[in-house]
């Protein structure tokens, strides 16, 4: 690089120092003007944005890509969204998955609703990275729920915990909690 010519610095470089050399902007900063006298790499990357390494000579900050975020200014990279989270809209932070949702992978922009027959417990401050199958004798017939429902008396949970069905004629279920099978009525007794 010829450091002895008398001209403006290329964009994204610091103005010449006392020794006449041109310097790249520091990581996380940029020079948007071609006239180095107007600014000297005083523009910092905003939150949700970054300026890569100092050797690339950027003239603006770059928005974080999908599945990444940056919660600080003057940064040279974005962070990967961790499992159990999604990035906020402006990619300046992360958000825990909502109750009834989970995300097992890193770098994602949304969470997954718990499937029918499964649930994701209310997490509070703990990231949800998986869904849980409903316990024996319970069911969940909707997506995105935080718990399962006990099969009521006269019914059993079926179809991989996705619903309930009534006991067949001549069979019964009198206990309204966690039942998976109906009981055959004793001889001489009728169960409608």
C-alpha atoms as a PDB file:
ATOM      1  CA  UNK A   1       0.000   0.000   0.000  1.00  0.00           C
ATOM      2  CA  UNK A   2       1.461   3.382  -1.000  1.00  0.00           C
ATOM      3  CA  UNK A   3       1.302   5.488   2.165  1.00  0.00           C
ATOM      4  CA  UNK A   4       2.958   8.599   0.743  1.00  0.00           C
ATOM      5  CA  UNK A   5       0.250   9.761  -1.674  1.00  0.00           C
ATOM      6  CA  UNK A   6      -1.796  12.748  -0.634  1.00  0.00           C
ATOM      7  CA  UNK A   7      -5.429  11.574  -0.960  1.00  0.00           C
ATOM      8  CA  UNK A   8      -8.451  10.662   1.105  1.00  0.00           C
ATOM      9  CA  UNK A   9      -8.409   7.275   2.805  1.00  0.00           C
ATOM     10  CA  UNK A  10     -10.478   4.558   1.173  1.00  0.00           C
ATOM     11  CA  UNK A  11     -13.835   4.114   2.899  1.00  0.00           C
ATOM     12  CA  UNK A  12     -13.768   2.245   6.195  1.00  0.00           C
ATOM     13  CA  UNK A  13     -10.174   3.138   6.991  1.00  0.00           C
ATOM     14  CA  UNK A  14      -8.915   5.397   9.724  1.00  0.00           C
ATOM     15  CA  UNK A  15      -7.380   8.679   8.524  1.00  0.00           C
ATOM     16  CA  UNK A  16      -3.595   8.708   8.134  1.00  0.00           C
ATOM     17  CA  UNK A  17      -1.713   8.738  11.370  1.00  0.00           C
ATOM     18  CA  UNK A  18       1.249  11.000  11.989  1.00  0.00           C
ATOM     19  CA  UNK A  19       3.412   8.494  10.136  1.00  0.00           C
ATOM     20  CA  UNK A  20       1.206   8.816   7.025  1.00  0.00           C
ATOM     21  CA  UNK A  21      -0.112   5.232   7.127  1.00  0.00           C
ATOM     22  CA  UNK A  22      -3.757   4.214   6.733  1.00  0.00           C
ATOM     23  CA  UNK A  23      -5.304   1.988   9.376  1.00  0.00           C
ATOM     24  CA  UNK A  24      -8.405  -0.189   9.261  1.00  0.00           C
ATOM     25  CA  UNK A  25     -11.195   0.589  11.670  1.00  0.00           C
ATOM     26  CA  UNK A  26     -11.230  -1.350  14.927  1.00  0.00           C
ATOM     27  CA  UNK A  27     -13.522  -4.365  15.234  1.00  0.00           C
ATOM     28  CA  UNK A  28     -17.136  -3.350  15.687  1.00  0.00           C
ATOM     29  CA  UNK A  29     -16.674   0.106  14.135  1.00  0.00           C
ATOM     30  CA  UNK A  30     -16.935   1.435  10.617  1.00  0.00           C
ATOM     31  CA  UNK A  31     -16.320   4.516   8.465  1.00  0.00           C
ATOM     32  CA  UNK A  32     -19.313   5.358   6.255  1.00  0.00           C
ATOM     33  CA  UNK A  33     -17.748   8.363   4.530  1.00  0.00           C
ATOM     34  CA  UNK A  34     -15.173   8.416   1.767  1.00  0.00           C
ATOM     35  CA  UNK A  35     -13.765  11.692   3.109  1.00  0.00           C
ATOM     36  CA  UNK A  36     -11.823  10.677   6.171  1.00  0.00           C
ATOM     37  CA  UNK A  37     -11.875  14.215   7.504  1.00  0.00           C
ATOM     38  CA  UNK A  38     -15.616  13.931   8.260  1.00  0.00           C
ATOM     39  CA  UNK A  39     -15.332  10.914  10.495  1.00  0.00           C
ATOM     40  CA  UNK A  40     -12.717   8.533  11.782  1.00  0.00           C
ATOM     41  CA  UNK A  41     -14.350   5.179  12.408  1.00  0.00           C
ATOM     42  CA  UNK A  42     -16.537   6.706  15.061  1.00  0.00           C
ATOM     43  CA  UNK A  43     -19.603   4.714  14.036  1.00  0.00           C
ATOM     44  CA  UNK A  44     -20.164   1.680  16.260  1.00  0.00           C
ATOM     45  CA  UNK A  45     -22.130  -1.399  15.269  1.00  0.00           C
ATOM     46  CA  UNK A  46     -25.574  -1.197  16.849  1.00  0.00           C
ATOM     47  CA  UNK A  47     -27.158  -3.947  18.958  1.00  0.00           C
ATOM     48  CA  UNK A  48     -28.663  -6.508  16.573  1.00  0.00           C
ATOM     49  CA  UNK A  49     -25.837  -5.738  14.122  1.00  0.00           C
ATOM     50  CA  UNK A  50     -22.106  -6.321  13.792  1.00  0.00           C
ATOM     51  CA  UNK A  51     -19.043  -5.264  11.819  1.00  0.00           C
ATOM     52  CA  UNK A  52     -16.750  -8.232  11.057  1.00  0.00           C
ATOM     53  CA  UNK A  53     -13.020  -8.229  11.585  1.00  0.00           C
ATOM     54  CA  UNK A  54     -10.965  -5.112  11.143  1.00  0.00           C
ATOM     55  CA  UNK A  55      -9.349  -6.161   7.877  1.00  0.00           C
ATOM     56  CA  UNK A  56     -12.513  -6.059   5.760  1.00  0.00           C
ATOM     57  CA  UNK A  57     -13.113  -2.286   5.708  1.00  0.00           C
ATOM     58  CA  UNK A  58     -16.889  -2.102   6.154  1.00  0.00           C
ATOM     59  CA  UNK A  59     -18.857   1.077   5.504  1.00  0.00           C
ATOM     60  CA  UNK A  60     -21.912   0.121   7.590  1.00  0.00           C
ATOM     61  CA  UNK A  61     -22.920  -2.365  10.235  1.00  0.00           C
ATOM     62  CA  UNK A  62     -24.586  -5.611   9.154  1.00  0.00           C
ATOM     63  CA  UNK A  63     -27.827  -6.980  10.653  1.00  0.00           C
ATOM     64  CA  UNK A  64     -27.537 -10.297  12.456  1.00  0.00           C
ATOM     65  CA  UNK A  65     -28.859 -13.173  10.360  1.00  0.00           C
ATOM     66  CA  UNK A  66     -31.787 -15.443  11.238  1.00  0.00           C
ATOM     67  CA  UNK A  67     -31.056 -17.553  14.309  1.00  0.00           C
ATOM     68  CA  UNK A  68     -28.471 -15.122  15.670  1.00  0.00           C
ATOM     69  CA  UNK A  69     -28.567 -12.009  17.852  1.00  0.00           C
ATOM     70  CA  UNK A  70     -26.290  -9.388  19.354  1.00  0.00           C
ATOM     71  CA  UNK A  71     -27.256  -7.697  22.608  1.00  0.00           C
ATOM     72  CA  UNK A  72     -24.247  -5.358  22.754  1.00  0.00           C
ATOM     73  CA  UNK A  73     -22.938  -2.543  20.575  1.00  0.00           C
ATOM     74  CA  UNK A  74     -19.523  -2.383  18.859  1.00  0.00           C
ATOM     75  CA  UNK A  75     -19.307  -6.142  18.253  1.00  0.00           C
ATOM     76  CA  UNK A  76     -17.596  -8.037  15.443  1.00  0.00           C
ATOM     77  CA  UNK A  77     -19.991 -11.010  15.331  1.00  0.00           C
ATOM     78  CA  UNK A  78     -23.455 -12.173  16.350  1.00  0.00           C
ATOM     79  CA  UNK A  79     -24.233 -14.909  18.868  1.00  0.00           C
ATOM     80  CA  UNK A  80     -26.136 -18.105  18.041  1.00  0.00           C
ATOM     81  CA  UNK A  81     -29.580 -18.353  19.646  1.00  0.00           C
ATOM     82  CA  UNK A  82     -29.366 -21.170  22.244  1.00  0.00           C
ATOM     83  CA  UNK A  83     -31.754 -24.141  22.415  1.00  0.00           C
ATOM     84  CA  UNK A  84     -34.969 -23.390  24.313  1.00  0.00           C
ATOM     85  CA  UNK A  85     -35.035 -19.821  22.956  1.00  0.00           C
ATOM     86  CA  UNK A  86     -35.893 -17.736  19.909  1.00  0.00           C
ATOM     87  CA  UNK A  87     -34.500 -14.353  18.898  1.00  0.00           C
ATOM     88  CA  UNK A  88     -36.557 -11.218  19.359  1.00  0.00           C
ATOM     89  CA  UNK A  89     -37.750  -9.332  16.253  1.00  0.00           C
ATOM     90  CA  UNK A  90     -34.839  -6.887  16.047  1.00  0.00           C
ATOM     91  CA  UNK A  91     -32.258  -9.567  16.937  1.00  0.00           C
ATOM     92  CA  UNK A  92     -31.013  -7.614  19.957  1.00  0.00           C
ATOM     93  CA  UNK A  93     -31.775 -10.414  22.409  1.00  0.00           C
ATOM     94  CA  UNK A  94     -33.340 -13.794  23.020  1.00  0.00           C
ATOM     95  CA  UNK A  95     -36.676 -14.895  24.440  1.00  0.00           C
ATOM     96  CA  UNK A  96     -37.512 -18.132  26.257  1.00  0.00           C
ATOM     97  CA  UNK A  97     -39.978 -20.310  24.374  1.00  0.00           C
ATOM     98  CA  UNK A  98     -43.558 -19.675  25.500  1.00  0.00           C
ATOM     99  CA  UNK A  99     -45.274 -22.089  27.872  1.00  0.00           C
ATOM    100  CA  UNK A 100     -46.298 -25.184  25.898  1.00  0.00           C
ATOM    101  CA  UNK A 101     -43.469 -24.664  23.370  1.00  0.00           C
ATOM    102  CA  UNK A 102     -39.916 -25.961  23.072  1.00  0.00           C
ATOM    103  CA  UNK A 103     -36.891 -25.727  20.794  1.00  0.00           C
ATOM    104  CA  UNK A 104     -34.298 -28.527  20.813  1.00  0.00           C
ATOM    105  CA  UNK A 105     -31.883 -26.900  18.336  1.00  0.00           C
ATOM    106  CA  UNK A 106     -29.648 -23.851  18.486  1.00  0.00           C
ATOM    107  CA  UNK A 107     -29.834 -21.042  15.933  1.00  0.00           C
ATOM    108  CA  UNK A 108     -33.618 -21.026  15.552  1.00  0.00           C
ATOM    109  CA  UNK A 109     -36.006 -18.095  15.098  1.00  0.00           C
ATOM    110  CA  UNK A 110     -39.125 -19.746  16.507  1.00  0.00           C
ATOM    111  CA  UNK A 111     -40.243 -22.414  18.948  1.00  0.00           C
ATOM    112  CA  UNK A 112     -42.303 -25.570  18.358  1.00  0.00           C
ATOM    113  CA  UNK A 113     -45.697 -26.163  19.967  1.00  0.00           C
ATOM    114  CA  UNK A 114     -45.987 -29.383  21.952  1.00  0.00           C
ATOM    115  CA  UNK A 115     -47.721 -32.044  19.840  1.00  0.00           C
ATOM    116  CA  UNK A 116     -51.029 -33.678  20.719  1.00  0.00           C
ATOM    117  CA  UNK A 117     -50.373 -36.373  23.322  1.00  0.00           C
ATOM    118  CA  UNK A 118     -47.414 -34.378  24.676  1.00  0.00           C
ATOM    119  CA  UNK A 119     -46.883 -31.312  26.834  1.00  0.00           C
ATOM    120  CA  UNK A 120     -44.184 -28.829  27.813  1.00  0.00           C
ATOM    121  CA  UNK A 121     -44.431 -27.831  31.453  1.00  0.00           C
ATOM    122  CA  UNK A 122     -44.447 -24.174  32.405  1.00  0.00           C
ATOM    123  CA  UNK A 123     -40.773 -23.402  32.399  1.00  0.00           C
ATOM    124  CA  UNK A 124     -40.350 -20.155  34.293  1.00  0.00           C
ATOM    125  CA  UNK A 125     -36.682 -19.303  33.739  1.00  0.00           C
ATOM    126  CA  UNK A 126     -35.655 -22.749  32.465  1.00  0.00           C
ATOM    127  CA  UNK A 127     -35.288 -23.185  28.681  1.00  0.00           C
ATOM    128  CA  UNK A 128     -37.583 -25.900  27.263  1.00  0.00           C
ATOM    129  CA  UNK A 129     -35.649 -28.111  24.852  1.00  0.00           C
ATOM    130  CA  UNK A 130     -38.052 -31.073  24.569  1.00  0.00           C
ATOM    131  CA  UNK A 131     -41.674 -32.130  24.901  1.00  0.00           C
ATOM    132  CA  UNK A 132     -42.881 -34.845  27.286  1.00  0.00           C
ATOM    133  CA  UNK A 133     -45.377 -37.616  26.474  1.00  0.00           C
ATOM    134  CA  UNK A 134     -48.498 -37.567  28.620  1.00  0.00           C
ATOM    135  CA  UNK A 135     -48.361 -40.030  31.524  1.00  0.00           C
ATOM    136  CA  UNK A 136     -50.326 -43.280  31.444  1.00  0.00           C
ATOM    137  CA  UNK A 137     -54.072 -42.722  31.732  1.00  0.00           C
ATOM    138  CA  UNK A 138     -53.902 -39.076  30.682  1.00  0.00           C
ATOM    139  CA  UNK A 139     -54.285 -37.354  27.339  1.00  0.00           C
ATOM    140  CA  UNK A 140     -53.877 -34.036  25.561  1.00  0.00           C
ATOM    141  CA  UNK A 141     -55.963 -33.441  22.450  1.00  0.00           C
ATOM    142  CA  UNK A 142     -54.510 -30.011  21.643  1.00  0.00           C
ATOM    143  CA  UNK A 143     -51.111 -28.656  20.641  1.00  0.00           C
ATOM    144  CA  UNK A 144     -49.037 -26.260  22.718  1.00  0.00           C
ATOM    145  CA  UNK A 145     -50.265 -27.244  26.170  1.00  0.00           C
ATOM    146  CA  UNK A 146     -48.464 -27.252  29.522  1.00  0.00           C
ATOM    147  CA  UNK A 147     -50.038 -30.403  30.963  1.00  0.00           C
ATOM    148  CA  UNK A 148     -52.225 -33.419  30.339  1.00  0.00           C
ATOM    149  CA  UNK A 149     -55.793 -34.230  31.344  1.00  0.00           C
ATOM    150  CA  UNK A 150     -56.885 -37.243  33.401  1.00  0.00           C
ATOM    151  CA  UNK A 151     -59.229 -39.586  31.574  1.00  0.00           C
ATOM    152  CA  UNK A 152     -62.659 -39.117  33.231  1.00  0.00           C
ATOM    153  CA  UNK A 153     -64.675 -41.962  34.777  1.00  0.00           C
ATOM    154  CA  UNK A 154     -66.102 -44.211  32.052  1.00  0.00           C
ATOM    155  CA  UNK A 155     -63.264 -43.342  29.620  1.00  0.00           C
ATOM    156  CA  UNK A 156     -59.678 -44.361  28.918  1.00  0.00           C
ATOM    157  CA  UNK A 157     -56.831 -42.544  27.219  1.00  0.00           C
ATOM    158  CA  UNK A 158     -55.915 -43.915  23.788  1.00  0.00           C
ATOM    159  CA  UNK A 159     -54.150 -43.187  20.484  1.00  0.00           C
ATOM    160  CA  UNK A 160     -50.773 -42.335  21.971  1.00  0.00           C
ATOM    161  CA  UNK A 161     -52.364 -40.125  24.631  1.00  0.00           C
ATOM    162  CA  UNK A 162     -54.095 -37.900  22.077  1.00  0.00           C
ATOM    163  CA  UNK A 163     -57.683 -38.509  23.140  1.00  0.00           C
ATOM    164  CA  UNK A 164     -60.153 -40.515  25.205  1.00  0.00           C
ATOM    165  CA  UNK A 165     -62.793 -43.094  24.392  1.00  0.00           C
ATOM    166  CA  UNK A 166     -65.771 -44.440  26.283  1.00  0.00           C
ATOM    167  CA  UNK A 167     -65.642 -47.946  27.696  1.00  0.00           C
ATOM    168  CA  UNK A 168     -67.530 -50.527  25.555  1.00  0.00           C
ATOM    169  CA  UNK A 169     -70.960 -51.788  26.538  1.00  0.00           C
ATOM    170  CA  UNK A 170     -70.584 -54.142  29.486  1.00  0.00           C
ATOM    171  CA  UNK A 171     -67.337 -52.558  30.577  1.00  0.00           C
ATOM    172  CA  UNK A 172     -66.759 -49.698  33.018  1.00  0.00           C
ATOM    173  CA  UNK A 173     -64.212 -47.356  34.478  1.00  0.00           C
ATOM    174  CA  UNK A 174     -65.203 -45.796  37.778  1.00  0.00           C
ATOM    175  CA  UNK A 175     -61.918 -44.185  38.761  1.00  0.00           C
ATOM    176  CA  UNK A 176     -61.529 -40.785  37.095  1.00  0.00           C
ATOM    177  CA  UNK A 177     -57.756 -40.679  37.325  1.00  0.00           C
ATOM    178  CA  UNK A 178     -55.023 -42.094  35.135  1.00  0.00           C
ATOM    179  CA  UNK A 179     -56.851 -45.098  33.705  1.00  0.00           C
ATOM    180  CA  UNK A 180     -55.789 -46.939  30.587  1.00  0.00           C
ATOM    181  CA  UNK A 181     -58.171 -49.881  30.570  1.00  0.00           C
ATOM    182  CA  UNK A 182     -61.833 -50.517  31.264  1.00  0.00           C
ATOM    183  CA  UNK A 183     -62.961 -53.300  33.548  1.00  0.00           C
ATOM    184  CA  UNK A 184     -65.471 -55.953  32.428  1.00  0.00           C
ATOM    185  CA  UNK A 185     -68.680 -55.917  34.474  1.00  0.00           C
ATOM    186  CA  UNK A 186     -69.181 -58.894  36.786  1.00  0.00           C
ATOM    187  CA  UNK A 187     -71.752 -61.503  35.706  1.00  0.00           C
ATOM    188  CA  UNK A 188     -75.238 -60.381  36.618  1.00  0.00           C
ATOM    189  CA  UNK A 189     -74.411 -56.706  36.378  1.00  0.00           C
ATOM    190  CA  UNK A 190     -75.274 -54.486  33.480  1.00  0.00           C
ATOM    191  CA  UNK A 191     -73.222 -51.491  32.479  1.00  0.00           C
ATOM    192  CA  UNK A 192     -74.913 -49.288  29.887  1.00  0.00           C
END
